Amino acid sequence: MRQLVGEMLMYCFVVVLLTGGFLAFFYTPSGQMVSYGGTYEPLRGVPMSAAYDSILKISFDVRGGLLMRQLHHSSSVLLVLGTVVWAMLGRFRYALVVLGLGVLGGLAGYGAADDLLSATVLGKLPVPLWYALHLLVASAVGTVLVISSRREAARHPRTLRFVALGLGLTVLVFFWL
């Protein structure tokens, strides 16, 4: 069971990486103030950071952008929730590291968006710093998951049925959310 949850975490992380890579092509990590000129009429002309402007453009102007943002967010939440389950199944050493990194990565992701944290003390940090932290945490989470997965697979080799079960359950969980 523990190995299956770990396998599902790996698949969620792959989705986070793929959607994050897509979003990175359109994201501008800058705190410079710009005037919004996108297709969302109520905000046209409103001053905002270039980071938030790019996120609005991803959501409203990029084909599939909002879907990618939602998938990125959902798979990130699943990654954190799955890590809690993984920790309860006995992989405390790795799970606590991934859980801490996951929470830090989520916080850094919100900071990079420059929407929810901008009016707080954390909003005083520059957007490029949040974005760099977000990328650094993502690579650290991936490293921990790969190391744990390889060690688990060395003890209990994967079979094709096991991989299919992990993929199927991950897809079901995505549709459930």
N, C-alpha and C. Protein backbone atom coordinates (compact mmCIF):
# COMPACT_ATOMS: atom_id res chain seq x y z
N MET A 1 0.83 -1.20 0.00
CA MET A 1 0.00 0.00 0.00
C MET A 1 0.87 1.27 0.00
N ARG A 2 1.90 1.25 0.84
CA ARG A 2 2.79 2.40 0.94
C ARG A 2 3.47 2.67 -0.40
N GLN A 3 3.90 1.61 -1.07
CA GLN A 3 4.57 1.78 -2.35
C GLN A 3 3.60 2.31 -3.40
N LEU A 4 2.34 1.88 -3.34
CA LEU A 4 1.33 2.35 -4.29
C LEU A 4 1.08 3.86 -4.11
N VAL A 5 0.99 4.30 -2.87
CA VAL A 5 0.80 5.74 -2.62
C VAL A 5 2.02 6.52 -3.09
N GLY A 6 3.21 5.97 -2.86
CA GLY A 6 4.42 6.63 -3.35
C GLY A 6 4.46 6.71 -4.87
N GLU A 7 3.99 5.67 -5.52
CA GLU A 7 3.92 5.67 -6.98
C GLU A 7 2.93 6.73 -7.47
N MET A 8 1.81 6.84 -6.79
CA MET A 8 0.82 7.86 -7.16
C MET A 8 1.38 9.26 -6.94
N LEU A 9 2.20 9.43 -5.90
CA LEU A 9 2.83 10.73 -5.67
C LEU A 9 3.77 11.08 -6.83
N MET A 10 4.48 10.09 -7.33
CA MET A 10 5.36 10.33 -8.47
C MET A 10 4.56 10.79 -9.69
N TYR A 11 3.42 10.16 -9.95
CA TYR A 11 2.60 10.55 -11.09
C TYR A 11 2.04 11.95 -10.91
N CYS A 12 1.62 12.29 -9.68
CA CYS A 12 1.14 13.66 -9.42
C CYS A 12 2.26 14.66 -9.65
N PHE A 13 3.47 14.30 -9.24
CA PHE A 13 4.60 15.20 -9.43
C PHE A 13 4.90 15.39 -10.92
N VAL A 14 4.76 14.34 -11.70
CA VAL A 14 4.97 14.47 -13.15
C VAL A 14 3.96 15.45 -13.74
N VAL A 15 2.71 15.38 -13.29
CA VAL A 15 1.69 16.32 -13.76
C VAL A 15 2.05 17.74 -13.34
N VAL A 16 2.53 17.91 -12.10
CA VAL A 16 2.96 19.23 -11.63
C VAL A 16 4.08 19.76 -12.52
N LEU A 17 5.05 18.91 -12.85
CA LEU A 17 6.16 19.33 -13.70
C LEU A 17 5.70 19.71 -15.11
N LEU A 18 4.85 18.89 -15.71
CA LEU A 18 4.39 19.16 -17.07
C LEU A 18 3.54 20.43 -17.15
N THR A 19 2.61 20.58 -16.22
CA THR A 19 1.78 21.78 -16.24
C THR A 19 2.59 23.01 -15.87
N GLY A 20 3.51 22.86 -14.92
CA GLY A 20 4.37 23.98 -14.55
C GLY A 20 5.27 24.40 -15.69
N GLY A 21 5.76 23.44 -16.47
CA GLY A 21 6.57 23.77 -17.64
C GLY A 21 5.76 24.55 -18.67
N PHE A 22 4.52 24.14 -18.88
CA PHE A 22 3.64 24.87 -19.81
C PHE A 22 3.41 26.29 -19.31
N LEU A 23 3.10 26.43 -18.04
CA LEU A 23 2.81 27.75 -17.48
C LEU A 23 4.03 28.66 -17.50
N ALA A 24 5.21 28.08 -17.35
CA ALA A 24 6.44 28.88 -17.32
C ALA A 24 6.69 29.60 -18.64
N PHE A 25 6.20 29.05 -19.74
CA PHE A 25 6.38 29.70 -21.04
C PHE A 25 5.65 31.04 -21.13
N PHE A 26 4.58 31.19 -20.36
CA PHE A 26 3.76 32.39 -20.46
C PHE A 26 3.85 33.30 -19.23
N TYR A 27 4.54 32.86 -18.20
CA TYR A 27 4.62 33.60 -16.94
C TYR A 27 5.75 34.62 -16.98
N THR A 28 5.52 35.78 -16.40
CA THR A 28 6.53 36.83 -16.29
C THR A 28 6.83 37.05 -14.81
N PRO A 29 7.97 36.60 -14.31
CA PRO A 29 8.28 36.77 -12.87
C PRO A 29 8.83 38.17 -12.57
N SER A 30 7.95 39.14 -12.54
CA SER A 30 8.38 40.52 -12.31
C SER A 30 7.36 41.24 -11.45
N GLY A 31 7.85 42.05 -10.54
CA GLY A 31 6.98 42.85 -9.70
C GLY A 31 6.75 44.24 -10.26
N GLN A 32 7.26 44.51 -11.46
CA GLN A 32 7.09 45.81 -12.10
C GLN A 32 5.60 46.08 -12.33
N MET A 33 5.17 47.29 -12.06
CA MET A 33 3.77 47.65 -12.22
C MET A 33 3.48 47.93 -13.70
N VAL A 34 2.42 47.30 -14.21
CA VAL A 34 1.96 47.48 -15.58
C VAL A 34 0.46 47.74 -15.56
N SER A 35 -0.06 48.18 -16.66
CA SER A 35 -1.49 48.38 -16.80
C SER A 35 -2.06 47.17 -17.56
N TYR A 36 -3.10 46.56 -17.00
CA TYR A 36 -3.67 45.36 -17.61
C TYR A 36 -4.33 45.71 -18.94
N GLY A 37 -4.02 44.92 -19.96
CA GLY A 37 -4.59 45.17 -21.28
C GLY A 37 -5.14 43.90 -21.90
N GLY A 38 -5.49 42.92 -21.09
CA GLY A 38 -5.99 41.65 -21.62
C GLY A 38 -7.46 41.69 -21.97
N THR A 39 -8.03 40.52 -22.20
CA THR A 39 -9.41 40.44 -22.67
C THR A 39 -10.45 40.55 -21.56
N TYR A 40 -10.05 40.43 -20.31
CA TYR A 40 -11.02 40.55 -19.22
C TYR A 40 -11.35 42.02 -18.99
N GLU A 41 -12.51 42.44 -19.48
CA GLU A 41 -12.91 43.85 -19.51
C GLU A 41 -12.89 44.57 -18.16
N PRO A 42 -13.43 43.99 -17.07
CA PRO A 42 -13.48 44.74 -15.81
C PRO A 42 -12.12 45.15 -15.27
N LEU A 43 -11.06 44.48 -15.66
CA LEU A 43 -9.73 44.82 -15.15
C LEU A 43 -8.90 45.63 -16.14
N ARG A 44 -9.41 45.89 -17.32
CA ARG A 44 -8.63 46.60 -18.33
C ARG A 44 -8.26 48.00 -17.83
N GLY A 45 -6.94 48.28 -17.88
CA GLY A 45 -6.43 49.56 -17.42
C GLY A 45 -6.05 49.61 -15.96
N VAL A 46 -6.34 48.57 -15.20
CA VAL A 46 -6.02 48.54 -13.76
C VAL A 46 -4.52 48.27 -13.59
N PRO A 47 -3.84 49.07 -12.76
CA PRO A 47 -2.41 48.79 -12.53
C PRO A 47 -2.22 47.56 -11.66
N MET A 48 -1.27 46.72 -12.06
CA MET A 48 -0.97 45.49 -11.32
C MET A 48 0.45 45.08 -11.66
N SER A 49 0.95 44.09 -10.93
CA SER A 49 2.31 43.63 -11.20
C SER A 49 2.32 42.85 -12.52
N ALA A 50 3.48 42.81 -13.15
CA ALA A 50 3.62 42.06 -14.40
C ALA A 50 3.36 40.58 -14.17
N ALA A 51 3.68 40.08 -12.98
CA ALA A 51 3.43 38.67 -12.67
C ALA A 51 1.93 38.37 -12.68
N TYR A 52 1.16 39.22 -11.99
CA TYR A 52 -0.28 39.00 -11.95
C TYR A 52 -0.91 39.22 -13.32
N ASP A 53 -0.40 40.19 -14.07
CA ASP A 53 -0.87 40.43 -15.43
C ASP A 53 -0.66 39.18 -16.29
N SER A 54 0.51 38.56 -16.17
CA SER A 54 0.78 37.37 -16.99
C SER A 54 -0.12 36.21 -16.57
N ILE A 55 -0.45 36.11 -15.30
CA ILE A 55 -1.33 35.04 -14.84
C ILE A 55 -2.74 35.25 -15.38
N LEU A 56 -3.20 36.50 -15.38
CA LEU A 56 -4.52 36.77 -15.96
C LEU A 56 -4.53 36.47 -17.46
N LYS A 57 -3.44 36.79 -18.14
CA LYS A 57 -3.37 36.49 -19.56
C LYS A 57 -3.32 34.98 -19.81
N ILE A 58 -2.62 34.25 -18.94
CA ILE A 58 -2.62 32.78 -19.06
C ILE A 58 -4.05 32.26 -18.90
N SER A 59 -4.76 32.80 -17.92
CA SER A 59 -6.12 32.31 -17.63
C SER A 59 -7.12 32.64 -18.71
N PHE A 60 -7.03 33.85 -19.30
CA PHE A 60 -8.06 34.30 -20.22
C PHE A 60 -7.65 34.29 -21.70
N ASP A 61 -6.36 34.41 -21.98
CA ASP A 61 -5.94 34.59 -23.37
C ASP A 61 -5.21 33.39 -23.97
N VAL A 62 -4.58 32.58 -23.14
CA VAL A 62 -3.82 31.42 -23.64
C VAL A 62 -4.77 30.23 -23.75
N ARG A 63 -4.80 29.61 -24.92
CA ARG A 63 -5.67 28.45 -25.11
C ARG A 63 -5.25 27.33 -24.16
N GLY A 64 -6.16 26.89 -23.32
CA GLY A 64 -5.89 25.83 -22.35
C GLY A 64 -5.15 26.31 -21.11
N GLY A 65 -4.92 27.60 -21.00
CA GLY A 65 -4.15 28.14 -19.88
C GLY A 65 -4.84 27.95 -18.54
N LEU A 66 -6.14 28.23 -18.50
CA LEU A 66 -6.86 28.07 -17.24
C LEU A 66 -6.91 26.60 -16.84
N LEU A 67 -7.09 25.71 -17.80
CA LEU A 67 -7.07 24.28 -17.51
C LEU A 67 -5.72 23.87 -16.93
N MET A 68 -4.63 24.36 -17.52
CA MET A 68 -3.30 24.03 -17.02
C MET A 68 -3.08 24.58 -15.61
N ARG A 69 -3.58 25.79 -15.35
CA ARG A 69 -3.45 26.35 -14.00
C ARG A 69 -4.22 25.50 -13.00
N GLN A 70 -5.43 25.08 -13.39
CA GLN A 70 -6.23 24.26 -12.49
C GLN A 70 -5.60 22.89 -12.26
N LEU A 71 -5.08 22.28 -13.32
CA LEU A 71 -4.39 21.00 -13.16
C LEU A 71 -3.15 21.14 -12.29
N HIS A 72 -2.41 22.22 -12.47
CA HIS A 72 -1.21 22.45 -11.68
C HIS A 72 -1.57 22.59 -10.20
N HIS A 73 -2.61 23.35 -9.93
CA HIS A 73 -3.04 23.54 -8.54
C HIS A 73 -3.58 22.24 -7.95
N SER A 74 -4.45 21.54 -8.68
CA SER A 74 -5.03 20.30 -8.17
C SER A 74 -3.98 19.24 -7.91
N SER A 75 -3.04 19.09 -8.83
CA SER A 75 -2.01 18.06 -8.63
C SER A 75 -1.07 18.45 -7.50
N SER A 76 -0.86 19.73 -7.27
CA SER A 76 -0.05 20.17 -6.14
C SER A 76 -0.75 19.86 -4.82
N VAL A 77 -2.04 20.12 -4.77
CA VAL A 77 -2.81 19.80 -3.57
C VAL A 77 -2.82 18.28 -3.34
N LEU A 78 -3.01 17.51 -4.41
CA LEU A 78 -2.97 16.05 -4.29
C LEU A 78 -1.61 15.58 -3.80
N LEU A 79 -0.57 16.22 -4.24
CA LEU A 79 0.78 15.86 -3.81
C LEU A 79 0.93 16.05 -2.30
N VAL A 80 0.44 17.15 -1.79
CA VAL A 80 0.54 17.41 -0.35
C VAL A 80 -0.36 16.45 0.43
N LEU A 81 -1.60 16.26 -0.01
CA LEU A 81 -2.50 15.34 0.68
C LEU A 81 -2.01 13.90 0.62
N GLY A 82 -1.49 13.51 -0.53
CA GLY A 82 -0.94 12.16 -0.67
C GLY A 82 0.27 11.95 0.22
N THR A 83 1.04 13.00 0.43
CA THR A 83 2.20 12.90 1.31
C THR A 83 1.77 12.68 2.75
N VAL A 84 0.66 13.28 3.15
CA VAL A 84 0.13 13.04 4.50
C VAL A 84 -0.25 11.57 4.64
N VAL A 85 -0.92 11.02 3.64
CA VAL A 85 -1.29 9.59 3.67
C VAL A 85 -0.03 8.73 3.69
N TRP A 86 0.95 9.10 2.89
CA TRP A 86 2.22 8.37 2.81
C TRP A 86 2.91 8.38 4.18
N ALA A 87 2.85 9.52 4.87
CA ALA A 87 3.46 9.61 6.20
C ALA A 87 2.73 8.70 7.18
N MET A 88 1.41 8.63 7.08
CA MET A 88 0.65 7.77 7.99
C MET A 88 0.90 6.30 7.73
N LEU A 89 1.35 5.98 6.52
CA LEU A 89 1.66 4.58 6.20
C LEU A 89 3.08 4.19 6.58
N GLY A 90 3.84 5.12 7.14
CA GLY A 90 5.12 4.73 7.69
C GLY A 90 6.36 5.25 7.02
N ARG A 91 6.27 6.09 5.99
CA ARG A 91 7.46 6.64 5.34
C ARG A 91 7.75 8.03 5.90
N PHE A 92 7.88 8.11 7.22
CA PHE A 92 8.01 9.41 7.88
C PHE A 92 9.20 10.21 7.40
N ARG A 93 10.35 9.56 7.26
CA ARG A 93 11.57 10.29 6.93
C ARG A 93 11.40 11.06 5.62
N TYR A 94 10.92 10.40 4.60
CA TYR A 94 10.75 11.06 3.30
C TYR A 94 9.49 11.91 3.28
N ALA A 95 8.44 11.42 3.88
CA ALA A 95 7.15 12.11 3.80
C ALA A 95 7.19 13.46 4.49
N LEU A 96 7.84 13.55 5.63
CA LEU A 96 7.90 14.83 6.31
C LEU A 96 8.71 15.85 5.52
N VAL A 97 9.76 15.38 4.86
CA VAL A 97 10.55 16.28 4.02
C VAL A 97 9.71 16.76 2.84
N VAL A 98 9.02 15.83 2.16
CA VAL A 98 8.19 16.20 1.02
C VAL A 98 7.02 17.08 1.46
N LEU A 99 6.44 16.78 2.61
CA LEU A 99 5.32 17.59 3.10
C LEU A 99 5.78 19.02 3.38
N GLY A 100 6.90 19.17 4.06
CA GLY A 100 7.43 20.51 4.33
C GLY A 100 7.77 21.24 3.05
N LEU A 101 8.41 20.53 2.13
CA LEU A 101 8.75 21.16 0.85
C LEU A 101 7.50 21.49 0.04
N GLY A 102 6.49 20.63 0.12
CA GLY A 102 5.24 20.87 -0.61
C GLY A 102 4.52 22.11 -0.11
N VAL A 103 4.48 22.28 1.21
CA VAL A 103 3.84 23.47 1.77
C VAL A 103 4.64 24.72 1.40
N LEU A 104 5.97 24.63 1.49
CA LEU A 104 6.82 25.76 1.10
C LEU A 104 6.67 26.07 -0.38
N GLY A 105 6.58 25.04 -1.21
CA GLY A 105 6.38 25.24 -2.65
C GLY A 105 5.05 25.88 -2.96
N GLY A 106 4.00 25.49 -2.25
CA GLY A 106 2.70 26.11 -2.45
C GLY A 106 2.71 27.58 -2.05
N LEU A 107 3.34 27.86 -0.93
CA LEU A 107 3.46 29.24 -0.48
C LEU A 107 4.26 30.07 -1.49
N ALA A 108 5.34 29.49 -2.00
CA ALA A 108 6.15 30.18 -2.99
C ALA A 108 5.38 30.37 -4.29
N GLY A 109 4.54 29.40 -4.66
CA GLY A 109 3.72 29.54 -5.86
C GLY A 109 2.72 30.67 -5.74
N TYR A 110 2.10 30.79 -4.57
CA TYR A 110 1.18 31.90 -4.35
C TYR A 110 1.93 33.23 -4.31
N GLY A 111 3.13 33.22 -3.75
CA GLY A 111 3.94 34.45 -3.73
C GLY A 111 4.35 34.87 -5.13
N ALA A 112 4.67 33.89 -5.98
CA ALA A 112 5.07 34.19 -7.35
C ALA A 112 3.90 34.73 -8.16
N ALA A 113 2.68 34.33 -7.81
CA ALA A 113 1.50 34.82 -8.51
C ALA A 113 1.21 36.27 -8.17
N ASP A 114 1.69 36.72 -7.01
CA ASP A 114 1.52 38.10 -6.57
C ASP A 114 0.05 38.49 -6.46
N ASP A 115 -0.78 37.55 -6.02
CA ASP A 115 -2.17 37.92 -5.83
C ASP A 115 -2.61 37.79 -4.36
N LEU A 116 -2.44 36.64 -3.76
CA LEU A 116 -2.94 36.46 -2.40
C LEU A 116 -2.00 36.99 -1.32
N LEU A 117 -0.71 36.97 -1.56
CA LEU A 117 0.23 37.38 -0.53
C LEU A 117 0.68 38.83 -0.65
N SER A 118 0.24 39.53 -1.68
CA SER A 118 0.76 40.87 -1.94
C SER A 118 0.41 41.88 -0.85
N ALA A 119 -0.67 41.68 -0.14
CA ALA A 119 -1.06 42.63 0.89
C ALA A 119 -0.58 42.20 2.28
N THR A 120 0.26 41.20 2.37
CA THR A 120 0.75 40.71 3.65
C THR A 120 2.23 41.04 3.83
N VAL A 121 2.78 40.67 4.97
CA VAL A 121 4.20 40.87 5.22
C VAL A 121 5.01 40.07 4.21
N LEU A 122 4.54 38.87 3.84
CA LEU A 122 5.24 38.05 2.86
C LEU A 122 5.24 38.69 1.48
N GLY A 123 4.28 39.57 1.23
CA GLY A 123 4.20 40.25 -0.06
C GLY A 123 5.31 41.26 -0.28
N LYS A 124 6.08 41.55 0.75
CA LYS A 124 7.18 42.51 0.62
C LYS A 124 8.39 41.89 -0.10
N LEU A 125 8.44 40.56 -0.18
CA LEU A 125 9.53 39.90 -0.90
C LEU A 125 9.30 40.04 -2.40
N PRO A 126 10.34 40.23 -3.19
CA PRO A 126 10.16 40.40 -4.63
C PRO A 126 9.66 39.13 -5.32
N VAL A 127 8.86 39.31 -6.35
CA VAL A 127 8.27 38.20 -7.10
C VAL A 127 9.32 37.25 -7.66
N PRO A 128 10.43 37.74 -8.24
CA PRO A 128 11.43 36.80 -8.76
C PRO A 128 12.00 35.87 -7.67
N LEU A 129 12.08 36.38 -6.44
CA LEU A 129 12.56 35.53 -5.34
C LEU A 129 11.56 34.41 -5.06
N TRP A 130 10.27 34.73 -5.05
CA TRP A 130 9.23 33.71 -4.86
C TRP A 130 9.29 32.66 -5.97
N TYR A 131 9.48 33.13 -7.19
CA TYR A 131 9.50 32.22 -8.34
C TYR A 131 10.73 31.30 -8.26
N ALA A 132 11.87 31.85 -7.91
CA ALA A 132 13.08 31.04 -7.77
C ALA A 132 12.91 30.02 -6.66
N LEU A 133 12.31 30.42 -5.54
CA LEU A 133 12.05 29.49 -4.44
C LEU A 133 11.11 28.38 -4.89
N HIS A 134 10.09 28.74 -5.66
CA HIS A 134 9.14 27.76 -6.16
C HIS A 134 9.84 26.71 -7.04
N LEU A 135 10.71 27.15 -7.92
CA LEU A 135 11.45 26.22 -8.79
C LEU A 135 12.43 25.37 -8.00
N LEU A 136 13.09 25.97 -7.02
CA LEU A 136 14.04 25.24 -6.19
C LEU A 136 13.34 24.16 -5.37
N VAL A 137 12.20 24.50 -4.80
CA VAL A 137 11.45 23.53 -4.01
C VAL A 137 10.93 22.40 -4.89
N ALA A 138 10.48 22.72 -6.10
CA ALA A 138 10.00 21.68 -7.01
C ALA A 138 11.10 20.67 -7.34
N SER A 139 12.31 21.17 -7.57
CA SER A 139 13.40 20.24 -7.86
C SER A 139 13.77 19.41 -6.64
N ALA A 140 13.68 20.00 -5.45
CA ALA A 140 13.97 19.25 -4.22
C ALA A 140 12.92 18.17 -3.98
N VAL A 141 11.65 18.49 -4.20
CA VAL A 141 10.58 17.49 -4.04
C VAL A 141 10.80 16.34 -5.02
N GLY A 142 11.10 16.66 -6.25
CA GLY A 142 11.36 15.63 -7.25
C GLY A 142 12.52 14.73 -6.86
N THR A 143 13.58 15.32 -6.34
CA THR A 143 14.74 14.54 -5.92
C THR A 143 14.37 13.57 -4.80
N VAL A 144 13.67 14.06 -3.80
CA VAL A 144 13.28 13.21 -2.67
C VAL A 144 12.36 12.08 -3.14
N LEU A 145 11.40 12.40 -4.00
CA LEU A 145 10.48 11.37 -4.48
C LEU A 145 11.19 10.32 -5.32
N VAL A 146 12.12 10.72 -6.16
CA VAL A 146 12.84 9.76 -6.99
C VAL A 146 13.71 8.86 -6.12
N ILE A 147 14.42 9.43 -5.16
CA ILE A 147 15.26 8.62 -4.28
C ILE A 147 14.41 7.62 -3.51
N SER A 148 13.31 8.09 -2.94
CA SER A 148 12.43 7.19 -2.19
C SER A 148 11.84 6.10 -3.08
N SER A 149 11.41 6.48 -4.28
CA SER A 149 10.81 5.52 -5.20
C SER A 149 11.82 4.46 -5.62
N ARG A 150 13.05 4.85 -5.87
CA ARG A 150 14.08 3.88 -6.26
C ARG A 150 14.40 2.92 -5.13
N ARG A 151 14.46 3.43 -3.91
CA ARG A 151 14.73 2.55 -2.76
C ARG A 151 13.58 1.58 -2.53
N GLU A 152 12.37 2.08 -2.68
CA GLU A 152 11.20 1.20 -2.50
C GLU A 152 11.15 0.15 -3.60
N ALA A 153 11.46 0.54 -4.83
CA ALA A 153 11.45 -0.41 -5.96
C ALA A 153 12.56 -1.44 -5.83
N ALA A 154 13.65 -1.08 -5.17
CA ALA A 154 14.74 -2.05 -4.96
C ALA A 154 14.29 -3.15 -4.00
N ARG A 155 13.46 -2.77 -3.02
CA ARG A 155 12.94 -3.76 -2.07
C ARG A 155 11.81 -4.58 -2.66
N HIS A 156 10.93 -3.92 -3.38
CA HIS A 156 9.75 -4.57 -3.97
C HIS A 156 9.66 -4.14 -5.44
N PRO A 157 10.21 -4.92 -6.36
CA PRO A 157 10.20 -4.52 -7.78
C PRO A 157 8.78 -4.31 -8.30
N ARG A 158 8.68 -3.33 -9.19
CA ARG A 158 7.37 -3.01 -9.80
C ARG A 158 7.05 -4.02 -10.88
N THR A 159 5.75 -4.28 -11.02
CA THR A 159 5.27 -5.10 -12.12
C THR A 159 4.41 -4.22 -13.01
N LEU A 160 4.10 -4.70 -14.17
CA LEU A 160 3.25 -3.94 -15.09
C LEU A 160 1.87 -3.71 -14.48
N ARG A 161 1.33 -4.71 -13.80
CA ARG A 161 0.02 -4.56 -13.15
C ARG A 161 0.07 -3.49 -12.07
N PHE A 162 1.16 -3.45 -11.31
CA PHE A 162 1.30 -2.45 -10.25
C PHE A 162 1.34 -1.03 -10.84
N VAL A 163 2.11 -0.85 -11.90
CA VAL A 163 2.20 0.47 -12.54
C VAL A 163 0.85 0.87 -13.11
N ALA A 164 0.14 -0.07 -13.74
CA ALA A 164 -1.19 0.22 -14.29
C ALA A 164 -2.17 0.58 -13.18
N LEU A 165 -2.08 -0.12 -12.06
CA LEU A 165 -2.95 0.19 -10.92
C LEU A 165 -2.66 1.59 -10.39
N GLY A 166 -1.39 1.93 -10.25
CA GLY A 166 -1.01 3.26 -9.78
C GLY A 166 -1.48 4.36 -10.70
N LEU A 167 -1.30 4.17 -12.01
CA LEU A 167 -1.77 5.16 -12.98
C LEU A 167 -3.28 5.29 -12.96
N GLY A 168 -3.97 4.14 -12.90
CA GLY A 168 -5.43 4.16 -12.88
C GLY A 168 -5.98 4.86 -11.65
N LEU A 169 -5.41 4.57 -10.50
CA LEU A 169 -5.88 5.22 -9.27
C LEU A 169 -5.58 6.72 -9.28
N THR A 170 -4.44 7.09 -9.84
CA THR A 170 -4.11 8.51 -9.92
C THR A 170 -5.11 9.24 -10.82
N VAL A 171 -5.44 8.66 -11.94
CA VAL A 171 -6.42 9.26 -12.85
C VAL A 171 -7.78 9.38 -12.16
N LEU A 172 -8.18 8.32 -11.42
CA LEU A 172 -9.45 8.38 -10.69
C LEU A 172 -9.46 9.48 -9.64
N VAL A 173 -8.36 9.64 -8.95
CA VAL A 173 -8.29 10.69 -7.94
C VAL A 173 -8.37 12.07 -8.60
N PHE A 174 -7.73 12.23 -9.77
CA PHE A 174 -7.82 13.52 -10.47
C PHE A 174 -9.26 13.81 -10.87
N PHE A 175 -10.00 12.81 -11.34
CA PHE A 175 -11.39 13.04 -11.73
C PHE A 175 -12.27 13.25 -10.51
N TRP A 176 -11.86 12.71 -9.38
CA TRP A 176 -12.64 12.87 -8.15
C TRP A 176 -12.56 14.31 -7.66
N LEU A 177 -11.39 14.93 -7.83
CA LEU A 177 -11.25 16.33 -7.42
C LEU A 177 -11.88 17.19 -8.47
